[in-house]
Amino acid sequence: MIRAAVAATLLAGLLVVPGLSGTAQADPAAFHSGDGLTLVSATPDGTRTWHLVVSTPALSRPVRVNILLPEGYADSPARYPVLYLFHGTSGGADDWLNSGNAAAATDPYPLIVVMPDAGYNGNGGSWFTNWFDQHTPLGVANWETFDIAQLVPFIDDNLRTITDRSGRAVAGLSAGGFGAFTYAARHPDMFSSAAAFSGAPDIASNPVAQAGAAGIIDATEVGLDGVEPDAMFGDPVVNRINWQGHDPATLVTNLGHTALALWSGNGIPGPLDSPSVQIVQDALVEGAAHASTLFFAQEARKAHVAYVLDDYGRGTHSWPYWTRDLAQFLPPLMAAFAHPQATPTTISYRSIDKTWMQWGWTVVNRRTAAQAFSGLVNASAGGFSVSSPTATTVTTPALYTPGDHYRASAVGGSAPATIAVSPSGQLTVPVTPAVGHSTVTITLVRN
């Protein structure tokens, strides 16, 4: 469990975060459009806070992005790690500033914090996905594209950040905790740490979790966002694979190289609660989040994926607990940033996407179905196993000497006997499974 005493011990041992020194001249924050985002406005608020409004074709209307800079940012040439911090359902970009004490909590640390809107106008929420239905009354809603493909590079281009996963983390409360874990699971090469505070890290793996998640998401869509049911992920039965393909518990093996931390109460009012009408709902929602958290932990244990869980007992779905969670998360996060893990030499990853890129590997499935699971297992310079029911082309990272040739030995299917290394140092390996096989193992040996 992550407790205050442990956090204090970690904080006392912090070293300088790698990448914080440099020779470039310091400069104040200055924002400009790019990476698919148009900067509508950028307003400073004191020495640390910026309030941005951006627009993008990925979303039907402009959204807010709040940023906390570290003290002394304008006077230092350093590069800083970034925490992407998400709010929950019916929230907005201001929530962590106004209710979560984020400015005071992060003030001691050399850290940039990015807090974007995760829904339109605080009505409901996005659930951090490109919506299955793009024709609702809310219009275009490609939230994963916005957060992952646009906002992250926009922040890296506009601020002095550490621009790889060793200096990037993601966290959130409630639905934002789901967002943190789904992004980490779908893009593990982007985030070294992920945290969920009363989150929903299992929406499809366990049948009980899926039933609860389907009800909550349906209530968000219909009751809060004012759109039809199943707009976000599709029908939970007919489009189950889409739910699974965004579910952190289903994708838990993708998280083997990510530092995972979860906090949850059991829904019984606890020491930080005050009597109110809202407390009944807060208790019920926290109970559902608690179950989802435990179901995720169960899947992680089965897959031998490490995590830290603070199952702190009494507590409801409310800000006093999330404020405490964030404060407890920050010291071990900074310790992790100070001692980043090396990029793994062997990776495993699975996805429902037809084409995907992770850790420098690119997989292109030659299938007709828009969504089906495919994956790499134990991929390294010496070879890989590719799991796919159809022919697939695998392109490696730049691991080899240009002009060399490699022999490809295939088990469970076929591949070209000899493959030339490209000028960029990559091998492109077309793989075809044999009849009755869905996994092909390729061994690569230099000629």
Protein backbone atom coordinates (compact mmCIF):
# COMPACT_ATOMS: atom_id res chain seq x y z
CA MET A 1 0.00 0.00 0.00
CA ILE A 2 1.12 3.55 -0.67
CA ARG A 3 0.89 5.37 2.62
CA ALA A 4 2.06 8.81 3.69
CA ALA A 5 5.07 7.38 5.52
CA VAL A 6 6.20 5.46 2.44
CA ALA A 7 5.67 8.53 0.28
CA ALA A 8 7.75 10.67 2.65
CA THR A 9 10.57 8.13 2.57
CA LEU A 10 10.57 8.09 -1.22
CA LEU A 11 10.51 11.87 -1.37
CA ALA A 12 13.51 12.14 0.94
CA GLY A 13 15.50 9.96 -1.44
CA LEU A 14 14.63 11.81 -4.64
CA LEU A 15 17.45 12.54 -7.02
CA VAL A 16 17.42 15.07 -9.82
CA VAL A 17 14.98 13.94 -12.47
CA PRO A 18 16.89 12.88 -15.61
CA GLY A 19 16.65 15.47 -18.33
CA LEU A 20 16.27 18.42 -15.94
CA SER A 21 19.68 19.80 -16.74
CA GLY A 22 20.55 21.31 -20.07
CA THR A 23 22.42 23.96 -21.94
CA ALA A 24 19.51 25.62 -23.72
CA GLN A 25 18.56 29.07 -22.53
CA ALA A 26 15.51 29.35 -20.33
CA ASP A 27 12.40 30.84 -21.83
CA PRO A 28 8.91 31.57 -20.51
CA ALA A 29 5.99 29.50 -21.70
CA ALA A 30 4.68 30.58 -25.11
CA PHE A 31 1.99 28.60 -26.87
CA HIS A 32 1.28 28.22 -30.58
CA SER A 33 -0.97 26.10 -32.76
CA GLY A 34 0.25 22.78 -34.09
CA ASP A 35 -0.08 18.98 -34.01
CA GLY A 36 -3.68 19.23 -35.19
CA LEU A 37 -4.68 21.74 -32.50
CA THR A 38 -5.59 25.38 -33.14
CA LEU A 39 -4.84 27.62 -30.19
CA VAL A 40 -7.95 29.72 -29.53
CA SER A 41 -6.61 31.47 -26.43
CA ALA A 42 -3.85 31.18 -23.83
CA THR A 43 -4.27 33.07 -20.57
CA PRO A 44 -1.71 33.09 -17.75
CA ASP A 45 -2.96 33.01 -14.17
CA GLY A 46 -0.16 33.80 -11.76
CA THR A 47 3.33 32.38 -12.19
CA ARG A 48 2.43 28.70 -12.63
CA THR A 49 -1.02 28.38 -14.24
CA TRP A 50 -2.09 28.70 -17.85
CA HIS A 51 -5.64 28.39 -19.13
CA LEU A 52 -5.77 27.32 -22.79
CA VAL A 53 -8.66 26.86 -25.18
CA VAL A 54 -7.96 24.74 -28.26
CA SER A 55 -9.98 23.47 -31.18
CA THR A 56 -9.47 20.44 -33.41
CA PRO A 57 -11.32 18.63 -36.20
CA ALA A 58 -11.26 15.60 -33.86
CA LEU A 59 -13.86 17.31 -31.62
CA SER A 60 -17.01 19.22 -32.50
CA ARG A 61 -16.24 22.23 -30.31
CA PRO A 62 -13.32 23.90 -28.54
CA VAL A 63 -12.15 22.48 -25.21
CA ARG A 64 -10.09 23.78 -22.32
CA VAL A 65 -6.63 22.64 -21.24
CA ASN A 66 -5.23 23.86 -17.92
CA ILE A 67 -1.51 23.63 -17.28
CA LEU A 68 0.50 23.90 -14.08
CA LEU A 69 4.16 24.75 -14.62
CA PRO A 70 6.81 24.09 -11.99
CA GLU A 71 8.11 26.98 -9.93
CA GLY A 72 10.95 28.74 -11.73
CA TYR A 73 10.06 27.33 -15.16
CA ALA A 74 10.79 30.64 -16.91
CA ASP A 75 14.20 30.95 -15.25
CA SER A 76 15.51 27.45 -15.88
CA PRO A 77 16.67 25.72 -19.07
CA ALA A 78 15.59 22.37 -17.60
CA ARG A 79 13.29 19.84 -19.20
CA TYR A 80 10.50 18.50 -17.01
CA PRO A 81 8.38 15.36 -16.74
CA VAL A 82 4.65 15.68 -17.43
CA LEU A 83 1.62 14.32 -15.58
CA TYR A 84 -1.63 14.19 -17.58
CA LEU A 85 -4.34 14.47 -14.93
CA PHE A 86 -7.98 13.70 -15.81
CA HIS A 87 -11.23 14.67 -14.12
CA GLY A 88 -14.30 12.45 -13.80
CA THR A 89 -17.85 12.36 -15.13
CA SER A 90 -19.68 15.72 -15.22
CA GLY A 91 -16.40 17.47 -14.51
CA GLY A 92 -14.09 19.74 -16.44
CA ALA A 93 -10.57 21.02 -16.82
CA ASP A 94 -10.88 23.26 -13.74
CA ASP A 95 -11.81 20.45 -11.34
CA TRP A 96 -8.36 19.48 -10.09
CA LEU A 97 -7.49 23.16 -9.60
CA ASN A 98 -10.71 24.14 -7.83
CA SER A 99 -11.50 20.99 -5.89
CA GLY A 100 -8.42 18.76 -5.88
CA ASN A 101 -5.73 21.09 -4.49
CA ALA A 102 -3.56 20.26 -7.50
CA ALA A 103 -1.60 23.53 -7.46
CA ALA A 104 -0.55 23.22 -3.82
CA ALA A 105 0.04 19.47 -4.06
CA THR A 106 2.39 19.78 -7.04
CA ASP A 107 4.11 23.00 -5.95
CA PRO A 108 7.15 21.25 -4.39
CA TYR A 109 7.93 19.21 -7.49
CA PRO A 110 9.73 19.86 -10.80
CA LEU A 111 6.69 18.70 -12.74
CA ILE A 112 4.36 19.95 -15.49
CA VAL A 113 0.71 19.00 -14.97
CA VAL A 114 -1.75 19.01 -17.88
CA MET A 115 -5.49 18.93 -17.09
CA PRO A 116 -7.72 18.83 -20.20
CA ASP A 117 -11.48 18.77 -20.59
CA ALA A 118 -12.68 15.18 -21.02
CA GLY A 119 -16.18 16.05 -22.16
CA TYR A 120 -18.20 18.93 -23.55
CA ASN A 121 -19.31 21.66 -21.13
CA GLY A 122 -19.17 19.46 -18.03
CA ASN A 123 -22.47 17.74 -18.88
CA GLY A 124 -21.27 14.17 -18.80
CA GLY A 125 -18.04 12.87 -20.20
CA SER A 126 -16.22 11.21 -23.05
CA TRP A 127 -14.96 7.99 -21.48
CA PHE A 128 -11.68 8.67 -23.27
CA THR A 129 -12.43 6.96 -26.56
CA ASN A 130 -13.17 7.77 -30.17
CA TRP A 131 -16.93 7.35 -30.02
CA PHE A 132 -18.51 4.44 -31.83
CA ASP A 133 -21.26 6.82 -33.00
CA GLN A 134 -19.92 10.04 -34.48
CA HIS A 135 -23.38 11.35 -35.39
CA THR A 136 -24.92 12.11 -31.99
CA PRO A 137 -26.27 15.58 -31.12
CA LEU A 138 -22.79 16.30 -29.72
CA GLY A 139 -21.18 15.73 -33.11
CA VAL A 140 -17.64 14.54 -33.71
CA ALA A 141 -16.13 13.02 -30.57
CA ASN A 142 -12.65 11.55 -31.10
CA TRP A 143 -11.27 11.94 -27.61
CA GLU A 144 -8.44 9.42 -27.83
CA THR A 145 -7.21 11.12 -31.00
CA PHE A 146 -7.31 14.48 -29.22
CA ASP A 147 -5.51 13.35 -26.07
CA ILE A 148 -2.96 10.95 -27.53
CA ALA A 149 -2.25 12.02 -31.11
CA GLN A 150 -2.64 15.78 -30.63
CA LEU A 151 -2.43 17.03 -27.05
CA VAL A 152 0.69 15.08 -26.03
CA PRO A 153 2.80 16.27 -29.01
CA PHE A 154 1.31 19.78 -28.65
CA ILE A 155 2.55 19.94 -25.04
CA ASP A 156 5.95 18.55 -26.04
CA ASP A 157 6.27 21.12 -28.83
CA ASN A 158 5.19 24.07 -26.68
CA LEU A 159 6.92 23.34 -23.38
CA ARG A 160 10.31 22.05 -22.25
CA THR A 161 9.26 18.49 -21.53
CA ILE A 162 11.02 15.15 -21.36
CA THR A 163 9.64 13.88 -24.65
CA ASP A 164 9.55 10.13 -24.08
CA ARG A 165 7.74 7.74 -21.79
CA SER A 166 10.41 8.00 -19.07
CA GLY A 167 9.10 11.50 -18.35
CA ARG A 168 5.39 11.02 -18.94
CA ALA A 169 2.64 9.74 -16.62
CA VAL A 170 -1.16 9.68 -16.65
CA ALA A 171 -3.66 9.66 -13.77
CA GLY A 172 -7.31 10.40 -13.13
CA LEU A 173 -10.30 10.04 -10.85
CA SER A 174 -13.40 7.92 -11.50
CA ALA A 175 -13.98 7.82 -15.28
CA GLY A 176 -10.67 9.68 -15.53
CA GLY A 177 -9.04 6.74 -13.78
CA PHE A 178 -10.40 4.54 -16.54
CA GLY A 179 -9.01 7.08 -19.01
CA ALA A 180 -5.55 6.90 -17.45
CA PHE A 181 -5.49 3.11 -17.57
CA THR A 182 -7.03 2.67 -21.03
CA TYR A 183 -4.52 5.11 -22.51
CA ALA A 184 -1.64 3.41 -20.71
CA ALA A 185 -2.85 0.00 -21.89
CA ARG A 186 -3.44 1.04 -25.49
CA HIS A 187 -0.26 3.17 -25.67
CA PRO A 188 2.22 1.63 -23.22
CA ASP A 189 5.19 3.11 -25.08
CA MET A 190 3.94 6.61 -24.17
CA PHE A 191 3.45 6.45 -20.38
CA SER A 192 5.78 5.03 -17.76
CA SER A 193 3.29 5.36 -14.87
CA ALA A 194 -0.49 5.30 -14.51
CA ALA A 195 -2.73 5.91 -11.50
CA ALA A 196 -6.47 5.52 -10.93
CA PHE A 197 -8.26 7.16 -8.01
CA SER A 198 -11.63 5.43 -7.51
CA GLY A 199 -11.32 4.44 -11.14
CA ALA A 200 -13.03 1.90 -13.39
CA PRO A 201 -10.12 -0.16 -14.75
CA ASP A 202 -12.34 -3.12 -15.67
CA ILE A 203 -15.31 -2.42 -17.95
CA ALA A 204 -15.37 -5.66 -19.97
CA SER A 205 -13.21 -8.44 -18.56
CA ASN A 206 -15.41 -9.50 -15.66
CA PRO A 207 -19.14 -9.94 -16.42
CA VAL A 208 -20.14 -8.15 -13.21
CA ALA A 209 -17.79 -5.28 -14.03
CA GLN A 210 -19.15 -5.04 -17.57
CA ALA A 211 -22.76 -4.96 -16.37
CA GLY A 212 -21.97 -2.18 -13.91
CA ALA A 213 -19.89 -0.23 -16.42
CA ALA A 214 -22.57 -0.56 -19.11
CA GLY A 215 -25.17 0.88 -16.75
CA ILE A 216 -22.97 3.79 -15.66
CA ILE A 217 -21.84 4.60 -19.20
CA ASP A 218 -25.41 4.39 -20.48
CA ALA A 219 -26.49 6.81 -17.73
CA THR A 220 -23.66 9.14 -18.75
CA GLU A 221 -24.71 9.03 -22.41
CA VAL A 222 -28.46 9.39 -21.99
CA GLY A 223 -28.87 11.26 -18.72
CA LEU A 224 -25.86 13.57 -18.82
CA ASP A 225 -24.56 13.93 -22.37
CA GLY A 226 -28.05 13.81 -23.89
CA VAL A 227 -27.18 11.30 -26.59
CA GLU A 228 -28.52 7.85 -27.44
CA PRO A 229 -27.36 4.71 -25.60
CA ASP A 230 -24.23 2.89 -26.76
CA ALA A 231 -22.78 6.00 -28.42
CA MET A 232 -19.34 5.65 -26.89
CA PHE A 233 -18.34 1.99 -27.23
CA GLY A 234 -21.30 0.53 -29.11
CA ASP A 235 -23.64 -2.14 -27.83
CA PRO A 236 -21.90 -4.10 -25.03
CA VAL A 237 -22.99 -7.42 -26.59
CA VAL A 238 -22.95 -6.80 -30.34
CA ASN A 239 -19.80 -4.67 -30.15
CA ARG A 240 -18.17 -6.49 -27.27
CA ILE A 241 -14.79 -6.55 -28.98
CA ASN A 242 -14.71 -2.76 -29.02
CA TRP A 243 -15.34 -2.74 -25.26
CA GLN A 244 -12.61 -5.33 -24.76
CA GLY A 245 -10.19 -3.44 -26.98
CA HIS A 246 -10.41 -0.40 -24.69
CA ASP A 247 -10.63 -2.28 -21.40
CA PRO A 248 -7.50 -2.08 -19.23
CA ALA A 249 -8.23 -5.44 -17.57
CA THR A 250 -8.53 -7.21 -20.93
CA LEU A 251 -5.34 -5.49 -22.10
CA VAL A 252 -3.51 -5.97 -18.81
CA THR A 253 -0.55 -7.79 -20.40
CA ASN A 254 0.23 -4.57 -22.30
CA LEU A 255 0.98 -2.95 -18.92
CA GLY A 256 3.89 -5.16 -17.93
CA HIS A 257 6.38 -2.29 -18.15
CA THR A 258 4.14 0.40 -16.62
CA ALA A 259 4.17 1.42 -12.95
CA LEU A 260 0.53 0.98 -11.89
CA ALA A 261 -1.08 2.47 -8.78
CA LEU A 262 -4.73 2.29 -7.72
CA TRP A 263 -6.66 3.80 -4.81
CA SER A 264 -10.20 2.88 -3.81
CA GLY A 265 -12.54 2.98 -0.84
CA ASN A 266 -15.29 0.46 -0.20
CA GLY A 267 -18.19 2.94 -0.41
CA ILE A 268 -18.97 3.03 3.30
CA PRO A 269 -18.77 6.65 4.54
CA GLY A 270 -15.41 7.20 6.15
CA PRO A 271 -13.26 9.70 8.02
CA LEU A 272 -13.23 12.34 5.27
CA ASP A 273 -16.99 12.32 4.63
CA SER A 274 -19.54 14.85 5.86
CA PRO A 275 -23.27 14.10 6.07
CA SER A 276 -25.11 15.26 2.95
CA VAL A 277 -27.80 14.23 0.51
CA GLN A 278 -25.07 13.42 -2.02
CA ILE A 279 -23.38 10.89 0.24
CA VAL A 280 -25.75 8.05 -0.70
CA GLN A 281 -24.91 8.36 -4.40
CA ASP A 282 -21.22 8.81 -3.60
CA ALA A 283 -21.32 5.61 -1.55
CA LEU A 284 -22.99 3.60 -4.30
CA VAL A 285 -20.65 4.82 -7.05
CA GLU A 286 -17.58 4.15 -4.94
CA GLY A 287 -18.82 0.64 -4.30
CA ALA A 288 -18.99 0.05 -8.06
CA ALA A 289 -15.54 1.59 -8.58
CA HIS A 290 -14.17 -0.59 -5.77
CA ALA A 291 -15.48 -3.74 -7.45
CA SER A 292 -14.00 -2.68 -10.81
CA THR A 293 -10.65 -1.98 -9.15
CA LEU A 294 -10.57 -5.40 -7.48
CA PHE A 295 -11.53 -7.14 -10.72
CA PHE A 296 -8.63 -5.40 -12.48
CA ALA A 297 -6.25 -6.41 -9.68
CA GLN A 298 -7.40 -10.01 -10.09
CA GLU A 299 -6.59 -9.95 -13.81
CA ALA A 300 -3.22 -8.32 -13.15
CA ARG A 301 -2.28 -11.01 -10.64
CA LYS A 302 -3.26 -13.76 -13.07
CA ALA A 303 -1.08 -12.16 -15.75
CA HIS A 304 1.82 -11.52 -13.30
CA VAL A 305 1.60 -7.77 -13.94
CA ALA A 306 2.79 -5.73 -10.97
CA TYR A 307 0.62 -3.05 -9.39
CA VAL A 308 0.20 -1.18 -6.10
CA LEU A 309 -3.28 -0.99 -4.59
CA ASP A 310 -4.33 1.16 -1.65
CA ASP A 311 -7.65 -0.48 -0.77
CA TYR A 312 -8.14 1.96 2.10
CA GLY A 313 -11.48 0.76 3.41
CA ARG A 314 -14.12 3.30 4.40
CA GLY A 315 -14.54 6.14 1.93
CA THR A 316 -16.93 7.43 -0.71
CA HIS A 317 -16.68 8.73 -4.25
CA SER A 318 -15.72 12.28 -3.31
CA TRP A 319 -13.04 14.93 -3.52
CA PRO A 320 -11.48 14.63 -0.05
CA TYR A 321 -10.27 11.14 -0.94
CA TRP A 322 -9.07 12.02 -4.43
CA THR A 323 -7.19 15.03 -3.07
CA ARG A 324 -5.44 12.72 -0.61
CA ASP A 325 -4.79 10.13 -3.34
CA LEU A 326 -3.05 12.68 -5.55
CA ALA A 327 -0.89 13.92 -2.69
CA GLN A 328 0.15 10.33 -1.93
CA PHE A 329 0.81 9.51 -5.58
CA LEU A 330 3.19 12.38 -6.29
CA PRO A 331 6.26 11.38 -4.21
CA PRO A 332 6.55 7.84 -5.64
CA LEU A 333 5.81 9.24 -9.11
CA MET A 334 8.71 11.66 -8.82
CA ALA A 335 10.92 8.85 -7.53
CA ALA A 336 10.00 6.82 -10.61
CA PHE A 337 10.82 9.77 -12.84
CA ALA A 338 14.17 10.12 -11.07
CA HIS A 339 15.04 6.48 -11.76
CA PRO A 340 13.38 5.58 -15.07
CA GLN A 341 13.35 2.02 -16.29
CA ALA A 342 15.24 1.24 -19.46
CA THR A 343 13.20 0.65 -22.59
CA PRO A 344 12.42 -3.08 -22.61
CA THR A 345 14.36 -5.17 -25.10
CA THR A 346 11.50 -7.68 -25.35
CA ILE A 347 7.89 -6.55 -25.68
CA SER A 348 4.43 -8.04 -25.89
CA TYR A 349 1.36 -6.12 -27.03
CA ARG A 350 -2.15 -6.83 -28.30
CA SER A 351 -4.75 -4.63 -29.97
CA ILE A 352 -8.04 -4.77 -31.84
CA ASP A 353 -6.84 -2.19 -34.38
CA LYS A 354 -6.10 -3.25 -37.94
CA THR A 355 -2.83 -1.34 -37.98
CA TRP A 356 -0.91 -0.44 -34.86
CA MET A 357 2.49 0.80 -33.78
CA GLN A 358 4.06 0.26 -30.36
CA TRP A 359 7.62 0.34 -29.04
CA GLY A 360 8.84 0.95 -32.60
CA TRP A 361 7.10 -2.18 -33.97
CA THR A 362 4.44 -1.84 -36.67
CA VAL A 363 1.80 -4.51 -37.34
CA VAL A 364 -0.49 -4.35 -40.38
CA ASN A 365 -3.27 -6.96 -40.53
CA ARG A 366 -4.58 -7.93 -43.94
CA ARG A 367 -8.05 -8.84 -42.71
CA THR A 368 -11.53 -7.72 -43.71
CA ALA A 369 -12.88 -7.24 -40.18
CA ALA A 370 -12.40 -3.74 -38.83
CA GLN A 371 -11.69 -5.07 -35.33
CA ALA A 372 -10.08 -8.32 -34.22
CA PHE A 373 -7.33 -9.05 -31.74
CA SER A 374 -3.78 -9.38 -32.96
CA GLY A 375 -0.58 -9.21 -31.01
CA LEU A 376 3.15 -9.62 -30.70
CA VAL A 377 4.63 -11.86 -28.01
CA ASN A 378 8.25 -11.69 -26.86
CA ALA A 379 9.26 -9.49 -29.77
CA SER A 380 12.98 -8.72 -29.87
CA ALA A 381 15.86 -8.43 -32.30
CA GLY A 382 15.98 -12.23 -32.47
CA GLY A 383 12.39 -12.69 -33.57
CA PHE A 384 8.81 -12.69 -32.39
CA SER A 385 5.51 -14.51 -32.27
CA VAL A 386 2.62 -12.82 -34.05
CA SER A 387 -0.93 -13.76 -33.12
CA SER A 388 -3.41 -13.07 -35.89
CA PRO A 389 -5.96 -15.16 -37.79
CA THR A 390 -4.95 -13.60 -41.11
CA ALA A 391 -1.82 -12.65 -43.03
CA THR A 392 0.10 -9.89 -41.26
CA THR A 393 3.10 -7.73 -42.02
CA VAL A 394 5.43 -6.97 -39.12
CA THR A 395 8.02 -4.19 -39.35
CA THR A 396 10.64 -4.12 -36.64
CA PRO A 397 12.25 -1.09 -35.00
CA ALA A 398 15.63 0.07 -36.34
CA LEU A 399 17.56 -2.78 -34.69
CA TYR A 400 19.79 -3.94 -37.53
CA THR A 401 22.64 -2.85 -39.78
CA PRO A 402 21.39 -1.48 -43.12
CA GLY A 403 22.27 -3.76 -46.02
CA ASP A 404 22.52 -6.94 -43.94
CA HIS A 405 20.34 -9.94 -44.71
CA TYR A 406 18.49 -12.17 -42.24
CA ARG A 407 17.10 -15.68 -42.46
CA ALA A 408 13.53 -15.99 -41.23
CA SER A 409 12.47 -19.33 -39.81
CA ALA A 410 8.70 -19.69 -39.33
CA VAL A 411 6.77 -22.13 -37.12
CA GLY A 412 2.99 -22.28 -37.52
CA GLY A 413 3.05 -20.46 -40.85
CA SER A 414 5.31 -19.00 -43.49
CA ALA A 415 7.55 -16.00 -44.11
CA PRO A 416 10.17 -15.11 -46.75
CA ALA A 417 13.31 -17.18 -46.25
CA THR A 418 15.66 -14.20 -46.59
CA ILE A 419 14.91 -10.57 -45.72
CA ALA A 420 17.09 -7.53 -46.38
CA VAL A 421 17.54 -4.83 -43.76
CA SER A 422 16.20 -1.48 -44.98
CA PRO A 423 18.34 1.69 -45.15
CA SER A 424 16.67 2.74 -41.90
CA GLY A 425 17.78 -0.44 -40.10
CA GLN A 426 14.41 -2.23 -40.08
CA LEU A 427 13.17 -5.62 -41.22
CA THR A 428 9.74 -5.97 -42.82
CA VAL A 429 8.44 -9.51 -42.42
CA PRO A 430 5.24 -10.68 -44.21
CA VAL A 431 3.77 -13.54 -42.16
CA THR A 432 1.02 -15.96 -43.21
CA PRO A 433 -0.45 -18.41 -40.68
CA ALA A 434 -0.86 -22.03 -41.70
CA VAL A 435 -4.35 -23.51 -41.91
CA GLY A 436 -5.63 -24.10 -38.40
CA HIS A 437 -3.03 -21.81 -36.81
CA SER A 438 -3.42 -18.30 -35.43
CA THR A 439 0.09 -17.83 -34.05
CA VAL A 440 3.29 -17.83 -36.09
CA THR A 441 6.71 -17.76 -34.43
CA ILE A 442 9.50 -16.13 -36.41
CA THR A 443 13.19 -16.58 -35.61
CA LEU A 444 15.57 -14.10 -37.23
CA VAL A 445 19.24 -15.00 -37.81
CA ARG A 446 21.78 -12.86 -39.63
CA ASN A 447 23.15 -14.45 -42.80
